[in-house]
Amino acid sequence: MPRRRPLRLALLGFGSVGRRFARNLLGSYGRILRGLGVEPRITGIATARHGSAASPQGLPLRRALALVSTGRPLDSLDRVGPFRSAADFVRRVPADVVFELTPLDPQGGEPAIAHVRLALRRGLHVITANKGPVAFALAELQALARRRRVRFLHEGAVMDGTPVFNLAARCLPGIRVLAFRGALNSTTTRILTRMEEGESAEAALQEAQAAGVAEADPGNDLEGWDAAVKGCAIANALMGARLVPSQVRRTGIRGITLEQVRSALADGHRFRLVVRGERSGRAVGVTVAPERIPVGDLLVTPGCDGVIVLNTDLMGEIGIWEGVGGVDQTAYALLSDLVAIVERP
């Protein structure tokens, strides 16, 4: 059997998605990658709360997971640091691929953009589940990746692991996306669905927070920032735009009342926070606003956490539907991007 080549992976951020990816790397993800001729090793982990650790030979992954799960620091595993900052980690960690998994800043996309830029300048491949770099700096980062002859991939940025960017890149050669529409914020979708059932907006939000769907501070969801960032990411990646979220005309759902939602449902419509992207000449515009959508439209499919409809020149409309998304799906997006790098470095 040919010897597998080592593949060194560094995780910048070790929250629920990073930990799920690491656990699966010990099982099914590892088997998939070894079947492609590589031996994956996590050689670095950097966290905001548990410190950082790196080792050229690979970290003891089960030990790292156990330390973090019990609130203990990772520093005892380190063979390279100490690291002064996340940027210092990116500069010095022994790796072939860096996963940028830090939280989203919907106002500016930092520090994730700086992390991605540093890694690409080092000649490392970068995979992110963070929408910020795609929404604020995609063209720059793609150009830098080409110059350094590495890849910058981001499938997990919009619909967890449901293929959107990879679908267009791998399966739709020559297609031009003319427009798109989507219901992409699961928090507002779940709140509006509960309101249809008679729940108040406040109670529906508390329920979403208790389920871990909504953040403790839900403003980015309710005010449409999350949808605006996703809309820019899609427009930039699939339509060649260079938009940032501040350019999106944005209205959230705070003004939608229980009476409006129930009245729309009685009239055969359901409210959704809809993000739209459209071409006008050479320009691309994105809007976010609550809309009344007819029952039966793909955007209001029951049991759906996310859906996007692409309007294309050669294939007409293409709908991409996601059931209940979450940590498993986003972790899989990291794997799918990693497989793309292994197959075509």
C-alpha atoms as a PDB file:
ATOM      1  CA  MET A   1       0.000   0.000   0.000  1.00  0.00           C
ATOM      2  CA  PRO A   2       1.435   3.461  -0.899  1.00  0.00           C
ATOM      3  CA  ARG A   3       2.484   5.535   2.068  1.00  0.00           C
ATOM      4  CA  ARG A   4       0.008   8.266   2.971  1.00  0.00           C
ATOM      5  CA  ARG A   5       1.370  11.795   2.980  1.00  0.00           C
ATOM      6  CA  PRO A   6       0.878  13.757   6.202  1.00  0.00           C
ATOM      7  CA  LEU A   7      -1.691  16.558   6.166  1.00  0.00           C
ATOM      8  CA  ARG A   8      -1.167  19.065   8.992  1.00  0.00           C
ATOM      9  CA  LEU A   9      -4.283  20.898  10.161  1.00  0.00           C
ATOM     10  CA  ALA A  10      -4.515  23.904  12.488  1.00  0.00           C
ATOM     11  CA  LEU A  11      -7.765  25.037  14.101  1.00  0.00           C
ATOM     12  CA  LEU A  12      -8.104  28.726  14.953  1.00  0.00           C
ATOM     13  CA  GLY A  13     -11.155  28.500  17.181  1.00  0.00           C
ATOM     14  CA  PHE A  14     -12.251  25.373  18.997  1.00  0.00           C
ATOM     15  CA  GLY A  15     -15.916  25.914  19.690  1.00  0.00           C
ATOM     16  CA  SER A  16     -18.698  23.450  18.965  1.00  0.00           C
ATOM     17  CA  VAL A  17     -17.914  23.200  15.230  1.00  0.00           C
ATOM     18  CA  GLY A  18     -14.165  22.808  15.689  1.00  0.00           C
ATOM     19  CA  ARG A  19     -14.620  20.180  18.383  1.00  0.00           C
ATOM     20  CA  ARG A  20     -17.128  18.234  16.295  1.00  0.00           C
ATOM     21  CA  PHE A  21     -14.739  18.272  13.347  1.00  0.00           C
ATOM     22  CA  ALA A  22     -11.930  17.027  15.612  1.00  0.00           C
ATOM     23  CA  ARG A  23     -14.063  14.210  17.055  1.00  0.00           C
ATOM     24  CA  ASN A  24     -15.137  13.115  13.593  1.00  0.00           C
ATOM     25  CA  LEU A  25     -11.516  13.215  12.444  1.00  0.00           C
ATOM     26  CA  LEU A  26     -10.928  10.387  14.931  1.00  0.00           C
ATOM     27  CA  GLY A  27     -13.632   8.398  13.133  1.00  0.00           C
ATOM     28  CA  SER A  28     -15.417   8.761   9.795  1.00  0.00           C
ATOM     29  CA  TYR A  29     -13.652  11.930   8.611  1.00  0.00           C
ATOM     30  CA  GLY A  30     -10.265  10.338   9.205  1.00  0.00           C
ATOM     31  CA  ARG A  31     -11.255   7.216   7.255  1.00  0.00           C
ATOM     32  CA  ILE A  32     -12.450   9.328   4.333  1.00  0.00           C
ATOM     33  CA  LEU A  33      -9.208  11.317   4.195  1.00  0.00           C
ATOM     34  CA  ARG A  34      -6.994   8.255   4.563  1.00  0.00           C
ATOM     35  CA  GLY A  35      -8.893   6.733   1.656  1.00  0.00           C
ATOM     36  CA  LEU A  36      -7.700   9.707  -0.393  1.00  0.00           C
ATOM     37  CA  GLY A  37      -4.088   8.996   0.467  1.00  0.00           C
ATOM     38  CA  VAL A  38      -3.421  11.460   3.296  1.00  0.00           C
ATOM     39  CA  GLU A  39      -2.856  11.054   7.021  1.00  0.00           C
ATOM     40  CA  PRO A  40      -4.554  13.994   8.778  1.00  0.00           C
ATOM     41  CA  ARG A  41      -3.000  15.379  11.948  1.00  0.00           C
ATOM     42  CA  ILE A  42      -4.214  18.328  13.992  1.00  0.00           C
ATOM     43  CA  THR A  43      -0.943  20.118  14.714  1.00  0.00           C
ATOM     44  CA  GLY A  44      -2.363  23.260  16.296  1.00  0.00           C
ATOM     45  CA  ILE A  45      -5.392  24.485  18.244  1.00  0.00           C
ATOM     46  CA  ALA A  46      -5.950  28.074  19.376  1.00  0.00           C
ATOM     47  CA  THR A  47      -8.857  29.098  21.597  1.00  0.00           C
ATOM     48  CA  ALA A  48     -10.054  32.258  23.282  1.00  0.00           C
ATOM     49  CA  ARG A  49     -10.734  30.593  26.649  1.00  0.00           C
ATOM     50  CA  HIS A  50      -8.546  27.496  26.860  1.00  0.00           C
ATOM     51  CA  GLY A  51      -5.205  28.738  25.569  1.00  0.00           C
ATOM     52  CA  SER A  52      -3.307  27.342  22.602  1.00  0.00           C
ATOM     53  CA  ALA A  53      -1.131  24.364  21.751  1.00  0.00           C
ATOM     54  CA  ALA A  54       0.846  23.161  18.756  1.00  0.00           C
ATOM     55  CA  SER A  55       3.107  20.245  17.931  1.00  0.00           C
ATOM     56  CA  PRO A  56       4.793  19.419  14.604  1.00  0.00           C
ATOM     57  CA  GLN A  57       4.105  15.707  15.187  1.00  0.00           C
ATOM     58  CA  GLY A  58       0.426  16.263  15.913  1.00  0.00           C
ATOM     59  CA  LEU A  59      -1.471  16.936  19.126  1.00  0.00           C
ATOM     60  CA  PRO A  60      -3.001  14.106  21.188  1.00  0.00           C
ATOM     61  CA  LEU A  61      -6.511  14.844  19.991  1.00  0.00           C
ATOM     62  CA  ARG A  62      -8.473  12.847  22.553  1.00  0.00           C
ATOM     63  CA  ARG A  63      -6.511  14.537  25.326  1.00  0.00           C
ATOM     64  CA  ALA A  64      -7.158  17.983  23.830  1.00  0.00           C
ATOM     65  CA  LEU A  65     -10.893  17.314  23.601  1.00  0.00           C
ATOM     66  CA  ALA A  66     -10.966  16.060  27.190  1.00  0.00           C
ATOM     67  CA  LEU A  67      -9.131  19.135  28.485  1.00  0.00           C
ATOM     68  CA  VAL A  68     -11.470  21.584  26.763  1.00  0.00           C
ATOM     69  CA  SER A  69     -14.609  19.677  27.758  1.00  0.00           C
ATOM     70  CA  THR A  70     -13.620  20.020  31.425  1.00  0.00           C
ATOM     71  CA  GLY A  71     -12.616  23.671  31.159  1.00  0.00           C
ATOM     72  CA  ARG A  72      -8.879  23.088  31.465  1.00  0.00           C
ATOM     73  CA  PRO A  73      -6.209  24.844  29.343  1.00  0.00           C
ATOM     74  CA  LEU A  74      -4.428  23.293  26.386  1.00  0.00           C
ATOM     75  CA  ASP A  75      -1.034  24.780  27.226  1.00  0.00           C
ATOM     76  CA  SER A  76       0.324  21.530  28.705  1.00  0.00           C
ATOM     77  CA  LEU A  77       0.178  19.976  25.206  1.00  0.00           C
ATOM     78  CA  ASP A  78       2.170  22.743  23.530  1.00  0.00           C
ATOM     79  CA  ARG A  79       5.536  22.019  21.910  1.00  0.00           C
ATOM     80  CA  VAL A  80       5.902  25.216  19.848  1.00  0.00           C
ATOM     81  CA  GLY A  81       4.543  28.269  21.706  1.00  0.00           C
ATOM     82  CA  PRO A  82       3.730  30.057  23.822  1.00  0.00           C
ATOM     83  CA  PHE A  83       1.662  32.084  21.370  1.00  0.00           C
ATOM     84  CA  ARG A  84       1.123  35.751  22.158  1.00  0.00           C
ATOM     85  CA  SER A  85      -2.052  36.128  20.102  1.00  0.00           C
ATOM     86  CA  ALA A  86      -4.210  34.522  17.450  1.00  0.00           C
ATOM     87  CA  ALA A  87      -2.139  36.283  14.788  1.00  0.00           C
ATOM     88  CA  ASP A  88       1.064  34.892  16.327  1.00  0.00           C
ATOM     89  CA  PHE A  89      -0.501  31.427  16.218  1.00  0.00           C
ATOM     90  CA  VAL A  90      -1.289  31.795  12.502  1.00  0.00           C
ATOM     91  CA  ARG A  91       2.241  33.009  11.796  1.00  0.00           C
ATOM     92  CA  ARG A  92       4.014  30.155  13.583  1.00  0.00           C
ATOM     93  CA  VAL A  93       1.805  27.076  13.791  1.00  0.00           C
ATOM     94  CA  PRO A  94       3.187  24.107  11.789  1.00  0.00           C
ATOM     95  CA  ALA A  95       0.397  23.476   9.272  1.00  0.00           C
ATOM     96  CA  ASP A  96      -0.617  22.920   5.680  1.00  0.00           C
ATOM     97  CA  VAL A  97      -4.249  24.022   6.201  1.00  0.00           C
ATOM     98  CA  VAL A  98      -5.631  26.595   8.648  1.00  0.00           C
ATOM     99  CA  PHE A  99      -9.307  26.466   9.655  1.00  0.00           C
ATOM    100  CA  GLU A 100     -10.525  29.950  10.594  1.00  0.00           C
ATOM    101  CA  LEU A 101     -13.411  29.282  13.015  1.00  0.00           C
ATOM    102  CA  THR A 102     -13.617  32.449  15.088  1.00  0.00           C
ATOM    103  CA  PRO A 103     -16.971  34.209  15.746  1.00  0.00           C
ATOM    104  CA  LEU A 104     -18.509  36.501  13.131  1.00  0.00           C
ATOM    105  CA  ASP A 105     -18.213  40.281  13.369  1.00  0.00           C
ATOM    106  CA  PRO A 106     -21.083  41.402  11.087  1.00  0.00           C
ATOM    107  CA  GLN A 107     -19.936  45.018  11.119  1.00  0.00           C
ATOM    108  CA  GLY A 108     -16.456  44.546   9.691  1.00  0.00           C
ATOM    109  CA  GLY A 109     -15.465  40.897   9.412  1.00  0.00           C
ATOM    110  CA  GLU A 110     -12.389  41.285  11.603  1.00  0.00           C
ATOM    111  CA  PRO A 111     -10.220  39.785  12.965  1.00  0.00           C
ATOM    112  CA  ALA A 112     -11.123  36.815  10.750  1.00  0.00           C
ATOM    113  CA  ILE A 113     -10.048  38.619   7.559  1.00  0.00           C
ATOM    114  CA  ALA A 114      -6.633  39.389   9.042  1.00  0.00           C
ATOM    115  CA  HIS A 115      -6.240  35.758  10.123  1.00  0.00           C
ATOM    116  CA  VAL A 116      -7.079  34.480   6.636  1.00  0.00           C
ATOM    117  CA  ARG A 117      -4.751  37.000   5.016  1.00  0.00           C
ATOM    118  CA  LEU A 118      -1.849  36.003   7.283  1.00  0.00           C
ATOM    119  CA  ALA A 119      -2.320  32.303   6.582  1.00  0.00           C
ATOM    120  CA  LEU A 120      -2.544  32.788   2.823  1.00  0.00           C
ATOM    121  CA  ARG A 121       0.586  34.941   2.832  1.00  0.00           C
ATOM    122  CA  ARG A 122       2.382  32.036   4.543  1.00  0.00           C
ATOM    123  CA  GLY A 123       1.370  29.825   1.637  1.00  0.00           C
ATOM    124  CA  LEU A 124      -1.199  27.856   3.646  1.00  0.00           C
ATOM    125  CA  HIS A 125      -4.595  26.730   2.433  1.00  0.00           C
ATOM    126  CA  VAL A 126      -7.463  28.293   4.390  1.00  0.00           C
ATOM    127  CA  ILE A 127     -10.933  26.922   5.126  1.00  0.00           C
ATOM    128  CA  THR A 128     -13.464  29.009   7.015  1.00  0.00           C
ATOM    129  CA  ALA A 129     -17.009  28.711   8.296  1.00  0.00           C
ATOM    130  CA  ASN A 130     -16.973  32.452   9.016  1.00  0.00           C
ATOM    131  CA  LYS A 131     -19.126  34.589   6.738  1.00  0.00           C
ATOM    132  CA  GLY A 132     -17.110  37.740   7.398  1.00  0.00           C
ATOM    133  CA  PRO A 133     -14.131  37.168   5.078  1.00  0.00           C
ATOM    134  CA  VAL A 134     -16.472  36.169   2.234  1.00  0.00           C
ATOM    135  CA  ALA A 135     -18.793  39.144   2.741  1.00  0.00           C
ATOM    136  CA  PHE A 136     -16.107  41.793   3.243  1.00  0.00           C
ATOM    137  CA  ALA A 137     -12.943  40.708   1.429  1.00  0.00           C
ATOM    138  CA  LEU A 138     -13.549  37.786  -0.936  1.00  0.00           C
ATOM    139  CA  ALA A 139     -11.978  39.282  -4.066  1.00  0.00           C
ATOM    140  CA  GLU A 140      -8.825  40.315  -2.213  1.00  0.00           C
ATOM    141  CA  LEU A 141      -8.446  36.959  -0.462  1.00  0.00           C
ATOM    142  CA  GLN A 142      -9.084  34.949  -3.621  1.00  0.00           C
ATOM    143  CA  ALA A 143      -6.465  36.988  -5.493  1.00  0.00           C
ATOM    144  CA  LEU A 144      -3.967  36.459  -2.682  1.00  0.00           C
ATOM    145  CA  ALA A 145      -4.668  32.707  -2.671  1.00  0.00           C
ATOM    146  CA  ARG A 146      -4.040  32.534  -6.435  1.00  0.00           C
ATOM    147  CA  ARG A 147      -0.748  34.389  -6.097  1.00  0.00           C
ATOM    148  CA  ARG A 148       0.389  32.032  -3.345  1.00  0.00           C
ATOM    149  CA  ARG A 149      -0.969  28.991  -5.252  1.00  0.00           C
ATOM    150  CA  VAL A 150      -3.177  27.845  -2.407  1.00  0.00           C
ATOM    151  CA  ARG A 151      -6.943  27.577  -1.845  1.00  0.00           C
ATOM    152  CA  PHE A 152      -9.386  29.716   0.146  1.00  0.00           C
ATOM    153  CA  LEU A 153     -12.642  27.787   0.636  1.00  0.00           C
ATOM    154  CA  HIS A 154     -15.754  28.670   2.622  1.00  0.00           C
ATOM    155  CA  GLU A 155     -18.625  26.226   2.049  1.00  0.00           C
ATOM    156  CA  GLY A 156     -19.795  26.439   5.670  1.00  0.00           C
ATOM    157  CA  ALA A 157     -20.296  30.214   5.594  1.00  0.00           C
ATOM    158  CA  VAL A 158     -23.948  30.347   4.505  1.00  0.00           C
ATOM    159  CA  MET A 159     -25.992  27.129   4.792  1.00  0.00           C
ATOM    160  CA  ASP A 160     -23.990  24.956   7.175  1.00  0.00           C
ATOM    161  CA  GLY A 161     -22.828  21.974   5.101  1.00  0.00           C
ATOM    162  CA  THR A 162     -25.429  22.241   2.334  1.00  0.00           C
ATOM    163  CA  PRO A 163     -23.471  22.795  -0.895  1.00  0.00           C
ATOM    164  CA  VAL A 164     -23.947  26.259  -2.354  1.00  0.00           C
ATOM    165  CA  PHE A 165     -20.501  27.518  -3.346  1.00  0.00           C
ATOM    166  CA  ASN A 166     -19.121  24.078  -4.190  1.00  0.00           C
ATOM    167  CA  LEU A 167     -22.271  23.271  -6.180  1.00  0.00           C
ATOM    168  CA  ALA A 168     -21.703  26.305  -8.374  1.00  0.00           C
ATOM    169  CA  ALA A 169     -17.950  25.747  -8.674  1.00  0.00           C
ATOM    170  CA  ARG A 170     -18.009  22.027  -9.400  1.00  0.00           C
ATOM    171  CA  CYS A 171     -21.389  21.297 -10.990  1.00  0.00           C
ATOM    172  CA  LEU A 172     -22.453  24.418 -12.887  1.00  0.00           C
ATOM    173  CA  PRO A 173     -19.657  25.239 -15.362  1.00  0.00           C
ATOM    174  CA  GLY A 174     -20.348  28.327 -17.423  1.00  0.00           C
ATOM    175  CA  ILE A 175     -23.498  29.238 -15.484  1.00  0.00           C
ATOM    176  CA  ARG A 176     -24.211  32.916 -14.818  1.00  0.00           C
ATOM    177  CA  VAL A 177     -26.286  33.640 -11.735  1.00  0.00           C
ATOM    178  CA  LEU A 178     -28.719  36.431 -12.600  1.00  0.00           C
ATOM    179  CA  ALA A 179     -30.464  36.718  -9.226  1.00  0.00           C
ATOM    180  CA  PHE A 180     -31.138  34.827  -6.019  1.00  0.00           C
ATOM    181  CA  ARG A 181     -33.669  34.821  -3.213  1.00  0.00           C
ATOM    182  CA  GLY A 182     -33.431  33.007   0.067  1.00  0.00           C
ATOM    183  CA  ALA A 183     -34.642  32.518   3.621  1.00  0.00           C
ATOM    184  CA  LEU A 184     -31.258  31.999   5.244  1.00  0.00           C
ATOM    185  CA  ASN A 185     -31.611  32.999   8.898  1.00  0.00           C
ATOM    186  CA  SER A 186     -32.884  30.037  10.904  1.00  0.00           C
ATOM    187  CA  THR A 187     -33.552  32.094  14.038  1.00  0.00           C
ATOM    188  CA  THR A 188     -36.078  34.394  12.367  1.00  0.00           C
ATOM    189  CA  THR A 189     -37.621  31.478  10.460  1.00  0.00           C
ATOM    190  CA  ARG A 190     -38.213  29.579  13.700  1.00  0.00           C
ATOM    191  CA  ILE A 191     -39.571  32.662  15.477  1.00  0.00           C
ATOM    192  CA  LEU A 192     -42.017  33.456  12.665  1.00  0.00           C
ATOM    193  CA  THR A 193     -43.132  29.811  12.513  1.00  0.00           C
ATOM    194  CA  ARG A 194     -43.885  29.795  16.244  1.00  0.00           C
ATOM    195  CA  MET A 195     -45.778  33.073  15.847  1.00  0.00           C
ATOM    196  CA  GLU A 196     -47.944  31.396  13.197  1.00  0.00           C
ATOM    197  CA  GLU A 197     -48.861  28.898  15.910  1.00  0.00           C
ATOM    198  CA  GLY A 198     -49.954  31.697  18.252  1.00  0.00           C
ATOM    199  CA  GLU A 199     -46.738  32.208  20.248  1.00  0.00           C
ATOM    200  CA  SER A 200     -45.674  35.762  21.001  1.00  0.00           C
ATOM    201  CA  ALA A 201     -42.472  37.044  19.412  1.00  0.00           C
ATOM    202  CA  GLU A 202     -40.834  37.340  22.830  1.00  0.00           C
ATOM    203  CA  ALA A 203     -41.746  33.793  23.858  1.00  0.00           C
ATOM    204  CA  ALA A 204     -40.663  32.421  20.470  1.00  0.00           C
ATOM    205  CA  LEU A 205     -37.286  34.144  20.837  1.00  0.00           C
ATOM    206  CA  GLN A 206     -36.777  32.755  24.345  1.00  0.00           C
ATOM    207  CA  GLU A 207     -37.600  29.280  23.037  1.00  0.00           C
ATOM    208  CA  ALA A 208     -35.048  29.662  20.217  1.00  0.00           C
ATOM    209  CA  GLN A 209     -32.425  30.820  22.715  1.00  0.00           C
ATOM    210  CA  ALA A 210     -33.129  27.892  25.027  1.00  0.00           C
ATOM    211  CA  ALA A 211     -32.706  25.516  22.058  1.00  0.00           C
ATOM    212  CA  GLY A 212     -29.347  27.083  21.220  1.00  0.00           C
ATOM    213  CA  VAL A 213     -30.579  28.385  17.851  1.00  0.00           C
ATOM    214  CA  ALA A 214     -30.530  32.069  18.797  1.00  0.00           C
ATOM    215  CA  GLU A 215     -27.682  33.924  20.492  1.00  0.00           C
ATOM    216  CA  ALA A 216     -28.044  35.504  23.926  1.00  0.00           C
ATOM    217  CA  ASP A 217     -27.921  38.830  22.044  1.00  0.00           C
ATOM    218  CA  PRO A 218     -30.154  38.138  19.030  1.00  0.00           C
ATOM    219  CA  GLY A 219     -29.829  41.577  17.457  1.00  0.00           C
ATOM    220  CA  ASN A 220     -27.783  40.415  14.462  1.00  0.00           C
ATOM    221  CA  ASP A 221     -30.553  37.963  13.548  1.00  0.00           C
ATOM    222  CA  LEU A 222     -33.607  40.089  14.325  1.00  0.00           C
ATOM    223  CA  GLU A 223     -32.246  43.224  12.669  1.00  0.00           C
ATOM    224  CA  GLY A 224     -31.209  41.412   9.493  1.00  0.00           C
ATOM    225  CA  TRP A 225     -27.429  41.714   9.850  1.00  0.00           C
ATOM    226  CA  ASP A 226     -26.819  37.978   9.629  1.00  0.00           C
ATOM    227  CA  ALA A 227     -28.950  37.757   6.475  1.00  0.00           C
ATOM    228  CA  ALA A 228     -27.177  40.795   5.003  1.00  0.00           C
ATOM    229  CA  VAL A 229     -23.760  39.235   5.555  1.00  0.00           C
ATOM    230  CA  LYS A 230     -24.931  35.975   3.959  1.00  0.00           C
ATOM    231  CA  GLY A 231     -26.438  37.894   1.045  1.00  0.00           C
ATOM    232  CA  CYS A 232     -23.141  39.673   0.403  1.00  0.00           C
ATOM    233  CA  ALA A 233     -21.255  36.384   0.649  1.00  0.00           C
ATOM    234  CA  ILE A 234     -23.497  34.815  -1.996  1.00  0.00           C
ATOM    235  CA  ALA A 235     -23.454  37.872  -4.279  1.00  0.00           C
ATOM    236  CA  ASN A 236     -19.675  38.169  -4.038  1.00  0.00           C
ATOM    237  CA  ALA A 237     -18.985  34.473  -4.578  1.00  0.00           C
ATOM    238  CA  LEU A 238     -21.625  33.606  -7.191  1.00  0.00           C
ATOM    239  CA  MET A 239     -22.256  36.918  -8.965  1.00  0.00           C
ATOM    240  CA  GLY A 240     -18.833  38.563  -8.890  1.00  0.00           C
ATOM    241  CA  ALA A 241     -20.039  41.455  -6.737  1.00  0.00           C
ATOM    242  CA  ARG A 242     -17.878  43.450  -4.346  1.00  0.00           C
ATOM    243  CA  LEU A 243     -20.516  44.326  -1.787  1.00  0.00           C
ATOM    244  CA  VAL A 244     -20.206  44.812   1.952  1.00  0.00           C
ATOM    245  CA  PRO A 245     -23.144  44.491   4.398  1.00  0.00           C
ATOM    246  CA  SER A 246     -23.403  48.249   5.006  1.00  0.00           C
ATOM    247  CA  GLN A 247     -24.476  48.583   1.348  1.00  0.00           C
ATOM    248  CA  VAL A 248     -27.446  46.230   1.843  1.00  0.00           C
ATOM    249  CA  ARG A 249     -30.903  47.785   2.204  1.00  0.00           C
ATOM    250  CA  ARG A 250     -31.937  46.024   5.391  1.00  0.00           C
ATOM    251  CA  THR A 251     -35.110  45.703   7.441  1.00  0.00           C
ATOM    252  CA  GLY A 252     -35.417  43.184  10.265  1.00  0.00           C
ATOM    253  CA  ILE A 253     -38.451  41.476  11.807  1.00  0.00           C
ATOM    254  CA  ARG A 254     -38.781  43.450  15.055  1.00  0.00           C
ATOM    255  CA  GLY A 255     -41.762  45.347  13.655  1.00  0.00           C
ATOM    256  CA  ILE A 256     -43.703  42.231  12.622  1.00  0.00           C
ATOM    257  CA  THR A 257     -46.638  41.623  14.965  1.00  0.00           C
ATOM    258  CA  LEU A 258     -48.408  38.421  15.905  1.00  0.00           C
ATOM    259  CA  GLU A 259     -51.553  39.798  14.253  1.00  0.00           C
ATOM    260  CA  GLN A 260     -49.739  40.378  10.959  1.00  0.00           C
ATOM    261  CA  VAL A 261     -48.302  36.851  10.963  1.00  0.00           C
ATOM    262  CA  ARG A 262     -51.631  35.204  11.794  1.00  0.00           C
ATOM    263  CA  SER A 263     -53.511  37.340   9.239  1.00  0.00           C
ATOM    264  CA  ALA A 264     -51.002  36.457   6.500  1.00  0.00           C
ATOM    265  CA  LEU A 265     -51.342  32.754   7.285  1.00  0.00           C
ATOM    266  CA  ALA A 266     -55.135  32.972   7.097  1.00  0.00           C
ATOM    267  CA  ASP A 267     -54.680  34.576   3.673  1.00  0.00           C
ATOM    268  CA  GLY A 268     -52.435  31.755   2.428  1.00  0.00           C
ATOM    269  CA  HIS A 269     -49.098  33.465   3.052  1.00  0.00           C
ATOM    270  CA  ARG A 270     -46.213  33.049   5.491  1.00  0.00           C
ATOM    271  CA  PHE A 271     -43.794  35.737   6.625  1.00  0.00           C
ATOM    272  CA  ARG A 272     -40.075  35.139   6.091  1.00  0.00           C
ATOM    273  CA  LEU A 273     -37.005  37.330   6.356  1.00  0.00           C
ATOM    274  CA  VAL A 274     -35.945  37.230   2.702  1.00  0.00           C
ATOM    275  CA  VAL A 275     -32.563  38.139   1.254  1.00  0.00           C
ATOM    276  CA  ARG A 276     -32.548  38.976  -2.450  1.00  0.00           C
ATOM    277  CA  GLY A 277     -29.726  39.635  -4.875  1.00  0.00           C
ATOM    278  CA  GLU A 278     -30.297  41.018  -8.372  1.00  0.00           C
ATOM    279  CA  ARG A 279     -28.260  42.287 -11.291  1.00  0.00           C
ATOM    280  CA  SER A 280     -28.959  45.725 -12.758  1.00  0.00           C
ATOM    281  CA  GLY A 281     -26.651  46.199 -15.698  1.00  0.00           C
ATOM    282  CA  ARG A 282     -23.167  45.558 -14.325  1.00  0.00           C
ATOM    283  CA  ALA A 283     -24.176  46.275 -10.740  1.00  0.00           C
ATOM    284  CA  VAL A 284     -25.443  43.775  -8.160  1.00  0.00           C
ATOM    285  CA  GLY A 285     -27.702  44.818  -5.303  1.00  0.00           C
ATOM    286  CA  VAL A 286     -28.766  42.923  -2.181  1.00  0.00           C
ATOM    287  CA  THR A 287     -31.776  43.590   0.031  1.00  0.00           C
ATOM    288  CA  VAL A 288     -33.051  42.043   3.254  1.00  0.00           C
ATOM    289  CA  ALA A 289     -36.641  42.478   4.429  1.00  0.00           C
ATOM    290  CA  PRO A 290     -39.602  40.513   5.814  1.00  0.00           C
ATOM    291  CA  GLU A 291     -41.959  39.411   3.037  1.00  0.00           C
ATOM    292  CA  ARG A 292     -45.308  37.664   2.729  1.00  0.00           C
ATOM    293  CA  ILE A 293     -44.584  34.508   0.713  1.00  0.00           C
ATOM    294  CA  PRO A 294     -47.380  32.335  -0.728  1.00  0.00           C
ATOM    295  CA  VAL A 295     -47.788  28.954   0.920  1.00  0.00           C
ATOM    296  CA  GLY A 296     -46.290  26.371  -1.460  1.00  0.00           C
ATOM    297  CA  ASP A 297     -43.318  28.528  -2.422  1.00  0.00           C
ATOM    298  CA  LEU A 298     -39.958  26.879  -1.792  1.00  0.00           C
ATOM    299  CA  LEU A 299     -38.950  29.671   0.606  1.00  0.00           C
ATOM    300  CA  VAL A 300     -41.633  28.615   3.095  1.00  0.00           C
ATOM    301  CA  THR A 301     -41.116  24.858   2.965  1.00  0.00           C
ATOM    302  CA  PRO A 302     -42.100  23.382   6.359  1.00  0.00           C
ATOM    303  CA  GLY A 303     -39.261  22.006   8.466  1.00  0.00           C
ATOM    304  CA  CYS A 304     -36.667  24.022   6.572  1.00  0.00           C
ATOM    305  CA  ASP A 305     -33.819  25.903   8.281  1.00  0.00           C
ATOM    306  CA  GLY A 306     -32.501  27.448   5.090  1.00  0.00           C
ATOM    307  CA  VAL A 307     -33.335  27.669   1.415  1.00  0.00           C
ATOM    308  CA  ILE A 308     -31.951  29.583  -1.551  1.00  0.00           C
ATOM    309  CA  VAL A 309     -33.207  29.785  -5.126  1.00  0.00           C
ATOM    310  CA  LEU A 310     -30.709  30.726  -7.833  1.00  0.00           C
ATOM    311  CA  ASN A 311     -31.981  32.218 -11.081  1.00  0.00           C
ATOM    312  CA  THR A 312     -29.467  31.309 -13.787  1.00  0.00           C
ATOM    313  CA  ASP A 313     -29.052  31.974 -17.490  1.00  0.00           C
ATOM    314  CA  LEU A 314     -28.607  28.364 -18.674  1.00  0.00           C
ATOM    315  CA  MET A 315     -30.486  26.296 -16.074  1.00  0.00           C
ATOM    316  CA  GLY A 316     -33.336  28.574 -15.051  1.00  0.00           C
ATOM    317  CA  GLU A 317     -34.160  28.279 -11.346  1.00  0.00           C
ATOM    318  CA  ILE A 318     -32.208  25.968  -9.056  1.00  0.00           C
ATOM    319  CA  GLY A 319     -33.441  25.485  -5.485  1.00  0.00           C
ATOM    320  CA  ILE A 320     -31.135  24.450  -2.633  1.00  0.00           C
ATOM    321  CA  TRP A 321     -32.973  23.303   0.497  1.00  0.00           C
ATOM    322  CA  GLU A 322     -31.634  22.487   3.942  1.00  0.00           C
ATOM    323  CA  GLY A 323     -33.555  20.684   6.658  1.00  0.00           C
ATOM    324  CA  VAL A 324     -32.520  21.244  10.248  1.00  0.00           C
ATOM    325  CA  GLY A 325     -28.956  22.522  10.173  1.00  0.00           C
ATOM    326  CA  GLY A 326     -26.443  22.659  12.970  1.00  0.00           C
ATOM    327  CA  VAL A 327     -23.018  21.675  14.219  1.00  0.00           C
ATOM    328  CA  ASP A 328     -22.847  18.352  12.355  1.00  0.00           C
ATOM    329  CA  GLN A 329     -23.638  20.015   9.042  1.00  0.00           C
ATOM    330  CA  THR A 330     -21.140  22.852   9.498  1.00  0.00           C
ATOM    331  CA  ALA A 331     -18.407  20.421  10.546  1.00  0.00           C
ATOM    332  CA  TYR A 332     -19.107  18.453   7.376  1.00  0.00           C
ATOM    333  CA  ALA A 333     -18.614  21.641   5.324  1.00  0.00           C
ATOM    334  CA  LEU A 334     -15.068  21.780   6.694  1.00  0.00           C
ATOM    335  CA  LEU A 335     -14.502  18.214   5.565  1.00  0.00           C
ATOM    336  CA  SER A 336     -15.940  18.823   2.091  1.00  0.00           C
ATOM    337  CA  ASP A 337     -13.619  21.799   1.591  1.00  0.00           C
ATOM    338  CA  LEU A 338     -10.671  19.781   2.894  1.00  0.00           C
ATOM    339  CA  VAL A 339     -11.454  16.966   0.456  1.00  0.00           C
ATOM    340  CA  ALA A 340     -11.484  19.522  -2.374  1.00  0.00           C
ATOM    341  CA  ILE A 341      -7.993  20.653  -1.350  1.00  0.00           C
ATOM    342  CA  VAL A 342      -6.694  17.076  -1.101  1.00  0.00           C
ATOM    343  CA  GLU A 343      -8.100  16.203  -4.523  1.00  0.00           C
ATOM    344  CA  ARG A 344      -6.896  19.404  -6.196  1.00  0.00           C
ATOM    345  CA  PRO A 345      -4.267  21.224  -4.095  1.00  0.00           C
END
